[in-house]
Structure formats: C-alpha cells, structure tokens
C-alpha atoms as a PDB file:
ATOM      1  CA  UNK A   1     -24.272  -0.345 -12.759  1.00  0.00           C
ATOM      2  CA  UNK A   2     -22.367  -0.265  -9.454  1.00  0.00           C
ATOM      3  CA  UNK A   3     -25.514  -1.313  -7.596  1.00  0.00           C
ATOM      4  CA  UNK A   4     -25.989  -4.244  -9.970  1.00  0.00           C
ATOM      5  CA  UNK A   5     -22.405  -5.482  -9.462  1.00  0.00           C
ATOM      6  CA  UNK A   6     -22.664  -5.049  -5.678  1.00  0.00           C
ATOM      7  CA  UNK A   7     -25.904  -7.000  -5.412  1.00  0.00           C
ATOM      8  CA  UNK A   8     -24.574  -9.665  -7.774  1.00  0.00           C
ATOM      9  CA  UNK A   9     -21.570 -10.141  -5.466  1.00  0.00           C
ATOM     10  CA  UNK A  10     -23.858 -10.270  -2.424  1.00  0.00           C
ATOM     11  CA  UNK A  11     -25.997 -12.907  -4.156  1.00  0.00           C
ATOM     12  CA  UNK A  12     -22.864 -14.953  -4.910  1.00  0.00           C
ATOM     13  CA  UNK A  13     -21.780 -14.737  -1.264  1.00  0.00           C
ATOM     14  CA  UNK A  14     -25.235 -15.797  -0.103  1.00  0.00           C
ATOM     15  CA  UNK A  15     -25.178 -18.683  -2.610  1.00  0.00           C
ATOM     16  CA  UNK A  16     -21.758 -19.774  -1.305  1.00  0.00           C
ATOM     17  CA  UNK A  17     -23.071 -19.554   2.252  1.00  0.00           C
ATOM     18  CA  UNK A  18     -25.987 -21.851   1.405  1.00  0.00           C
ATOM     19  CA  UNK A  19     -23.744 -24.367  -0.371  1.00  0.00           C
ATOM     20  CA  UNK A  20     -21.056 -24.515   2.315  1.00  0.00           C
ATOM     21  CA  UNK A  21     -23.349 -24.202   5.309  1.00  0.00           C
ATOM     22  CA  UNK A  22     -21.465 -21.270   6.815  1.00  0.00           C
ATOM     23  CA  UNK A  23     -22.695 -17.729   7.256  1.00  0.00           C
ATOM     24  CA  UNK A  24     -22.509 -14.895   4.765  1.00  0.00           C
ATOM     25  CA  UNK A  25     -20.522 -12.854   7.275  1.00  0.00           C
ATOM     26  CA  UNK A  26     -17.913 -15.605   7.768  1.00  0.00           C
ATOM     27  CA  UNK A  27     -17.398 -15.951   4.003  1.00  0.00           C
ATOM     28  CA  UNK A  28     -17.013 -12.177   3.814  1.00  0.00           C
ATOM     29  CA  UNK A  29     -14.374 -12.320   6.582  1.00  0.00           C
ATOM     30  CA  UNK A  30     -12.547 -15.159   4.833  1.00  0.00           C
ATOM     31  CA  UNK A  31     -12.384 -13.210   1.589  1.00  0.00           C
ATOM     32  CA  UNK A  32     -11.688  -9.654   2.719  1.00  0.00           C
ATOM     33  CA  UNK A  33      -9.935 -10.014   6.080  1.00  0.00           C
ATOM     34  CA  UNK A  34      -7.881 -13.150   5.420  1.00  0.00           C
ATOM     35  CA  UNK A  35      -7.851 -13.917   1.684  1.00  0.00           C
ATOM     36  CA  UNK A  36      -7.217 -10.476   0.217  1.00  0.00           C
ATOM     37  CA  UNK A  37      -4.304  -9.575   2.536  1.00  0.00           C
ATOM     38  CA  UNK A  38      -2.672 -12.956   1.835  1.00  0.00           C
ATOM     39  CA  UNK A  39      -3.104 -12.340  -1.898  1.00  0.00           C
ATOM     40  CA  UNK A  40      -1.495  -8.888  -1.594  1.00  0.00           C
ATOM     41  CA  UNK A  41       1.441 -10.305   0.390  1.00  0.00           C
ATOM     42  CA  UNK A  42       1.850 -12.998  -2.267  1.00  0.00           C
ATOM     43  CA  UNK A  43       1.895 -10.379  -5.049  1.00  0.00           C
ATOM     44  CA  UNK A  44       4.393  -8.195  -3.172  1.00  0.00           C
ATOM     45  CA  UNK A  45       6.615 -11.255  -2.728  1.00  0.00           C
ATOM     46  CA  UNK A  46       6.488 -11.969  -6.465  1.00  0.00           C
ATOM     47  CA  UNK A  47       7.261  -8.318  -7.261  1.00  0.00           C
ATOM     48  CA  UNK A  48      10.248  -8.370  -4.900  1.00  0.00           C
ATOM     49  CA  UNK A  49      11.532 -11.640  -6.373  1.00  0.00           C
ATOM     50  CA  UNK A  50      11.192 -10.270  -9.909  1.00  0.00           C
ATOM     51  CA  UNK A  51      12.948  -7.050  -8.908  1.00  0.00           C
ATOM     52  CA  UNK A  52      15.901  -9.016  -7.532  1.00  0.00           C
ATOM     53  CA  UNK A  53      16.001 -11.165 -10.671  1.00  0.00           C
ATOM     54  CA  UNK A  54      15.998  -8.098 -12.954  1.00  0.00           C
ATOM     55  CA  UNK A  55      18.689  -6.437 -10.846  1.00  0.00           C
ATOM     56  CA  UNK A  56      20.847  -9.574 -11.110  1.00  0.00           C
ATOM     57  CA  UNK A  57      20.381  -9.699 -14.901  1.00  0.00           C
ATOM     58  CA  UNK A  58      21.263  -6.015 -15.212  1.00  0.00           C
ATOM     59  CA  UNK A  59      24.516  -6.602 -13.329  1.00  0.00           C
ATOM     60  CA  UNK A  60      25.302  -9.587 -15.518  1.00  0.00           C
ATOM     61  CA  UNK A  61      24.883  -7.626 -18.747  1.00  0.00           C
ATOM     62  CA  UNK A  62      26.171  -4.287 -17.322  1.00  0.00           C
ATOM     63  CA  UNK A  63      22.998  -2.362 -18.064  1.00  0.00           C
END
C-alpha cells in the first residue's frame, strides 16, 4: 500500500513536470523545501493567533 501511494505521488510529480515544463526535482524542491515549511509557519501563526484570542476571551469572562 505504501509503495502504491509513493509511486502515485511520483507519477503526479512527473505529470506536473510535463505540464509545466520544469523538472521533477524542481517541483519536489518547491513542495518540500519551500512550500511545506511555509505551510507549517502559516499554521503556527494561526495557532498563536488563536491562542492569544482564547487567552483574551478567558480574561474577559474570568475563566
């Protein structure tokens, strides 16, 4: 099952490479070296913002 998912993802990356005209390796770099870290930073920012909002609401209602 893991092999199937891995090769499916590789096929999708190769398909994207053919459509966009850039290499498989560059798409891989865009996704895992640039895209994923930006996504994680975005999620951490949302978590921090929500934490501050909850803390503010707790102070308001004395919880």
